[in-house]
Amino acid sequence: MDNTGIQRARFKMSSLADVPAAASVLLEAAHQAQIVLFEGEMGAGKTTLIKEICLQLGVRENVSSPTFALVNEYEAAEGNLIYHFDFYRIREEREALDIGAPEYFESGRLCLIEWPSMIPNLLPEHYLLVTLQADAENQARTMTINQV
């Protein structure tokens, strides 16, 4: 995946207590972005950050990674739908096509996508890329947000 977007924001999280502030920074940077990609190693905090984003958007149901279902649908405040994808376990892009991923991406709804590097040919032209990186001790995280 091309990672040459314009950097919009960088935020350091020293502990889980910083996740709500990171989600707020991300939501502010996202504005009208409908497609938000989350990259980072296993355990970097992608799902934890998505849970907080959904909470701040008024989702009342349990938010969990759709590792086996590939996509979860949540209802946010005012009935707005959010689609949460996790493509970690797919073997080929055809699996994402089979669930209609491009149609979700074109729906105008917020799409939060974990492991987008697994579907490089299906990604829309424009998106917000969120990269989470753990420090050497695996304690703190740095979130970098790029508009692509």
C-alpha atoms as a PDB file:
ATOM      1  CA  MET A   1       0.000   0.000   0.000  1.00  0.00           C
ATOM      2  CA  ASP A   2       1.290   3.418  -0.888  1.00  0.00           C
ATOM      3  CA  ASN A   3       1.977   5.370   2.293  1.00  0.00           C
ATOM      4  CA  THR A   4       2.841   8.719   0.700  1.00  0.00           C
ATOM      5  CA  GLY A   5      -0.169  10.694   1.905  1.00  0.00           C
ATOM      6  CA  ILE A   6       0.092  14.106   3.498  1.00  0.00           C
ATOM      7  CA  GLN A   7       0.575  13.797   7.242  1.00  0.00           C
ATOM      8  CA  ARG A   8      -2.350  15.413   9.022  1.00  0.00           C
ATOM      9  CA  ALA A   9      -1.737  14.543  12.662  1.00  0.00           C
ATOM     10  CA  ARG A  10       0.449  12.585  15.060  1.00  0.00           C
ATOM     11  CA  PHE A  11      -0.581  11.591  18.565  1.00  0.00           C
ATOM     12  CA  LYS A  12       1.299   9.669  21.263  1.00  0.00           C
ATOM     13  CA  MET A  13      -0.585   7.380  23.645  1.00  0.00           C
ATOM     14  CA  SER A  14       1.374   6.511  26.782  1.00  0.00           C
ATOM     15  CA  SER A  15      -1.406   4.364  28.232  1.00  0.00           C
ATOM     16  CA  LEU A  16      -4.990   3.208  27.630  1.00  0.00           C
ATOM     17  CA  ALA A  17      -6.114   6.392  29.352  1.00  0.00           C
ATOM     18  CA  ASP A  18      -4.954   8.302  26.244  1.00  0.00           C
ATOM     19  CA  VAL A  19      -7.160   6.344  23.823  1.00  0.00           C
ATOM     20  CA  PRO A  20     -10.231   8.640  24.171  1.00  0.00           C
ATOM     21  CA  ALA A  21      -8.117  11.687  23.317  1.00  0.00           C
ATOM     22  CA  ALA A  22      -6.559   9.850  20.363  1.00  0.00           C
ATOM     23  CA  ALA A  23     -10.020   8.929  19.082  1.00  0.00           C
ATOM     24  CA  SER A  24     -11.081  12.574  19.376  1.00  0.00           C
ATOM     25  CA  VAL A  25      -8.017  13.694  17.402  1.00  0.00           C
ATOM     26  CA  LEU A  26      -8.789  11.104  14.748  1.00  0.00           C
ATOM     27  CA  LEU A  27     -12.456  12.069  14.498  1.00  0.00           C
ATOM     28  CA  GLU A  28     -11.487  15.726  14.162  1.00  0.00           C
ATOM     29  CA  ALA A  29      -8.988  14.895  11.405  1.00  0.00           C
ATOM     30  CA  ALA A  30     -11.494  12.647   9.653  1.00  0.00           C
ATOM     31  CA  HIS A  31     -14.232  15.295   9.294  1.00  0.00           C
ATOM     32  CA  GLN A  32     -16.146  13.949   6.314  1.00  0.00           C
ATOM     33  CA  ALA A  33     -13.866  10.996   5.538  1.00  0.00           C
ATOM     34  CA  GLN A  34     -15.951   7.898   4.945  1.00  0.00           C
ATOM     35  CA  ILE A  35     -13.096   5.409   4.604  1.00  0.00           C
ATOM     36  CA  VAL A  36     -10.582   5.071   7.442  1.00  0.00           C
ATOM     37  CA  LEU A  37      -7.836   2.459   7.182  1.00  0.00           C
ATOM     38  CA  PHE A  38      -6.045   1.150  10.264  1.00  0.00           C
ATOM     39  CA  GLU A  39      -2.561  -0.331   9.882  1.00  0.00           C
ATOM     40  CA  GLY A  40      -0.305  -1.648  12.624  1.00  0.00           C
ATOM     41  CA  GLU A  41       1.168  -4.849  13.935  1.00  0.00           C
ATOM     42  CA  MET A  42      -0.964  -7.364  15.790  1.00  0.00           C
ATOM     43  CA  GLY A  43      -1.674  -5.896  19.236  1.00  0.00           C
ATOM     44  CA  ALA A  44      -0.923  -2.316  18.199  1.00  0.00           C
ATOM     45  CA  GLY A  45      -4.372  -1.177  19.352  1.00  0.00           C
ATOM     46  CA  LYS A  46      -6.409  -0.941  16.149  1.00  0.00           C
ATOM     47  CA  THR A  47      -9.548  -2.539  17.581  1.00  0.00           C
ATOM     48  CA  THR A  48      -9.189  -0.687  20.886  1.00  0.00           C
ATOM     49  CA  LEU A  49      -9.080   2.634  19.022  1.00  0.00           C
ATOM     50  CA  ILE A  50     -12.050   1.647  16.835  1.00  0.00           C
ATOM     51  CA  LYS A  51     -14.059   0.734  19.946  1.00  0.00           C
ATOM     52  CA  GLU A  52     -13.446   4.218  21.343  1.00  0.00           C
ATOM     53  CA  ILE A  53     -14.295   5.894  18.024  1.00  0.00           C
ATOM     54  CA  CYS A  54     -17.597   4.017  17.949  1.00  0.00           C
ATOM     55  CA  LEU A  55     -18.301   4.942  21.567  1.00  0.00           C
ATOM     56  CA  GLN A  56     -17.714   8.625  20.786  1.00  0.00           C
ATOM     57  CA  LEU A  57     -20.030   8.348  17.772  1.00  0.00           C
ATOM     58  CA  GLY A  58     -22.820   7.025  19.973  1.00  0.00           C
ATOM     59  CA  VAL A  59     -22.674   3.281  19.281  1.00  0.00           C
ATOM     60  CA  ARG A  60     -24.319   1.533  22.218  1.00  0.00           C
ATOM     61  CA  GLU A  61     -23.808  -2.078  21.201  1.00  0.00           C
ATOM     62  CA  ASN A  62     -20.698  -4.182  21.788  1.00  0.00           C
ATOM     63  CA  VAL A  63     -17.922  -3.345  19.333  1.00  0.00           C
ATOM     64  CA  SER A  64     -15.591  -6.224  18.552  1.00  0.00           C
ATOM     65  CA  SER A  65     -13.224  -7.159  15.787  1.00  0.00           C
ATOM     66  CA  PRO A  66     -15.009  -8.947  12.927  1.00  0.00           C
ATOM     67  CA  THR A  67     -12.054 -11.285  12.397  1.00  0.00           C
ATOM     68  CA  PHE A  68     -14.170 -14.218  11.219  1.00  0.00           C
ATOM     69  CA  ALA A  69     -17.281 -12.390   9.950  1.00  0.00           C
ATOM     70  CA  LEU A  70     -15.069  -9.864   8.068  1.00  0.00           C
ATOM     71  CA  VAL A  71     -17.569  -7.047   8.674  1.00  0.00           C
ATOM     72  CA  ASN A  72     -19.677  -5.852  11.605  1.00  0.00           C
ATOM     73  CA  GLU A  73     -22.387  -3.224  11.324  1.00  0.00           C
ATOM     74  CA  TYR A  74     -23.039  -0.786  14.164  1.00  0.00           C
ATOM     75  CA  GLU A  75     -25.689   1.861  14.590  1.00  0.00           C
ATOM     76  CA  ALA A  76     -24.365   5.188  15.812  1.00  0.00           C
ATOM     77  CA  ALA A  77     -26.241   8.221  17.080  1.00  0.00           C
ATOM     78  CA  GLU A  78     -29.122   9.389  14.908  1.00  0.00           C
ATOM     79  CA  GLY A  79     -29.250   6.007  13.163  1.00  0.00           C
ATOM     80  CA  ASN A  80     -26.020   6.464  11.196  1.00  0.00           C
ATOM     81  CA  LEU A  81     -24.432   3.153  10.238  1.00  0.00           C
ATOM     82  CA  ILE A  82     -20.777   2.282  10.712  1.00  0.00           C
ATOM     83  CA  TYR A  83     -19.119  -0.673   8.987  1.00  0.00           C
ATOM     84  CA  HIS A  84     -16.124  -2.249  10.733  1.00  0.00           C
ATOM     85  CA  PHE A  85     -13.947  -4.578   8.653  1.00  0.00           C
ATOM     86  CA  ASP A  86     -11.086  -6.881   9.629  1.00  0.00           C
ATOM     87  CA  PHE A  87      -9.287  -8.491   6.697  1.00  0.00           C
ATOM     88  CA  TYR A  88      -6.503 -10.137   8.730  1.00  0.00           C
ATOM     89  CA  ARG A  89      -7.597 -13.718   8.028  1.00  0.00           C
ATOM     90  CA  ILE A  90      -8.438 -13.512   4.315  1.00  0.00           C
ATOM     91  CA  ARG A  91      -6.216 -15.382   1.897  1.00  0.00           C
ATOM     92  CA  GLU A  92      -7.197 -13.526  -1.264  1.00  0.00           C
ATOM     93  CA  GLU A  93      -9.094 -10.372  -2.221  1.00  0.00           C
ATOM     94  CA  ARG A  94     -11.895 -12.486  -3.684  1.00  0.00           C
ATOM     95  CA  GLU A  95     -13.115 -13.105  -0.101  1.00  0.00           C
ATOM     96  CA  ALA A  96     -13.631  -9.359   0.364  1.00  0.00           C
ATOM     97  CA  LEU A  97     -15.372  -9.152  -3.007  1.00  0.00           C
ATOM     98  CA  ASP A  98     -17.664 -12.012  -1.961  1.00  0.00           C
ATOM     99  CA  ILE A  99     -18.994  -9.991   1.002  1.00  0.00           C
ATOM    100  CA  GLY A 100     -19.479  -6.928  -1.207  1.00  0.00           C
ATOM    101  CA  ALA A 101     -16.663  -4.829   0.264  1.00  0.00           C
ATOM    102  CA  PRO A 102     -16.621  -2.336  -2.661  1.00  0.00           C
ATOM    103  CA  GLU A 103     -20.350  -1.718  -2.239  1.00  0.00           C
ATOM    104  CA  TYR A 104     -19.827  -0.991   1.460  1.00  0.00           C
ATOM    105  CA  PHE A 105     -16.964   1.377   0.595  1.00  0.00           C
ATOM    106  CA  GLU A 106     -19.204   3.236  -1.879  1.00  0.00           C
ATOM    107  CA  SER A 107     -22.197   3.375   0.489  1.00  0.00           C
ATOM    108  CA  GLY A 108     -21.385   6.821   1.886  1.00  0.00           C
ATOM    109  CA  ARG A 109     -21.291   5.282   5.370  1.00  0.00           C
ATOM    110  CA  LEU A 110     -18.280   5.347   7.668  1.00  0.00           C
ATOM    111  CA  CYS A 111     -16.061   2.314   6.966  1.00  0.00           C
ATOM    112  CA  LEU A 112     -13.368   1.445   9.521  1.00  0.00           C
ATOM    113  CA  ILE A 113     -10.975  -1.068   7.973  1.00  0.00           C
ATOM    114  CA  GLU A 114      -8.384  -3.129   9.835  1.00  0.00           C
ATOM    115  CA  TRP A 115      -5.635  -4.816   7.797  1.00  0.00           C
ATOM    116  CA  PRO A 116      -6.363  -2.953   4.525  1.00  0.00           C
ATOM    117  CA  SER A 117      -3.009  -4.156   3.155  1.00  0.00           C
ATOM    118  CA  MET A 118      -4.769  -7.476   2.500  1.00  0.00           C
ATOM    119  CA  ILE A 119      -7.050  -5.851  -0.118  1.00  0.00           C
ATOM    120  CA  PRO A 120      -4.865  -3.261  -1.900  1.00  0.00           C
ATOM    121  CA  ASN A 121      -6.716  -3.506  -5.224  1.00  0.00           C
ATOM    122  CA  LEU A 122     -10.125  -2.940  -3.644  1.00  0.00           C
ATOM    123  CA  LEU A 123      -9.361   0.238  -1.721  1.00  0.00           C
ATOM    124  CA  PRO A 124     -10.957   3.467  -2.914  1.00  0.00           C
ATOM    125  CA  GLU A 125      -8.806   6.230  -4.332  1.00  0.00           C
ATOM    126  CA  HIS A 126      -9.143   8.488  -1.278  1.00  0.00           C
ATOM    127  CA  TYR A 127      -9.078   7.526   2.378  1.00  0.00           C
ATOM    128  CA  LEU A 128      -7.675   8.391   5.768  1.00  0.00           C
ATOM    129  CA  LEU A 129      -4.777   6.159   6.786  1.00  0.00           C
ATOM    130  CA  VAL A 130      -4.207   5.638  10.500  1.00  0.00           C
ATOM    131  CA  THR A 131      -0.971   3.907  11.438  1.00  0.00           C
ATOM    132  CA  LEU A 132      -0.426   2.662  14.977  1.00  0.00           C
ATOM    133  CA  GLN A 133       3.077   1.833  16.102  1.00  0.00           C
ATOM    134  CA  ALA A 134       4.181   0.493  19.474  1.00  0.00           C
ATOM    135  CA  ASP A 135       7.407   1.622  21.100  1.00  0.00           C
ATOM    136  CA  ALA A 136      10.280  -0.802  21.749  1.00  0.00           C
ATOM    137  CA  GLU A 137       8.859  -1.798  25.143  1.00  0.00           C
ATOM    138  CA  ASN A 138       5.358  -2.296  23.667  1.00  0.00           C
ATOM    139  CA  GLN A 139       3.964   0.200  26.175  1.00  0.00           C
ATOM    140  CA  ALA A 140       3.284   3.472  24.340  1.00  0.00           C
ATOM    141  CA  ARG A 141       1.695   3.856  20.910  1.00  0.00           C
ATOM    142  CA  THR A 142       2.101   6.516  18.262  1.00  0.00           C
ATOM    143  CA  MET A 143      -0.857   7.196  15.981  1.00  0.00           C
ATOM    144  CA  THR A 144      -0.086   8.856  12.651  1.00  0.00           C
ATOM    145  CA  ILE A 145      -2.936  10.083  10.452  1.00  0.00           C
ATOM    146  CA  ASN A 146      -2.452  10.683   6.721  1.00  0.00           C
ATOM    147  CA  GLN A 147      -4.954  11.820   4.118  1.00  0.00           C
ATOM    148  CA  VAL A 148      -4.466   9.800   0.922  1.00  0.00           C
END
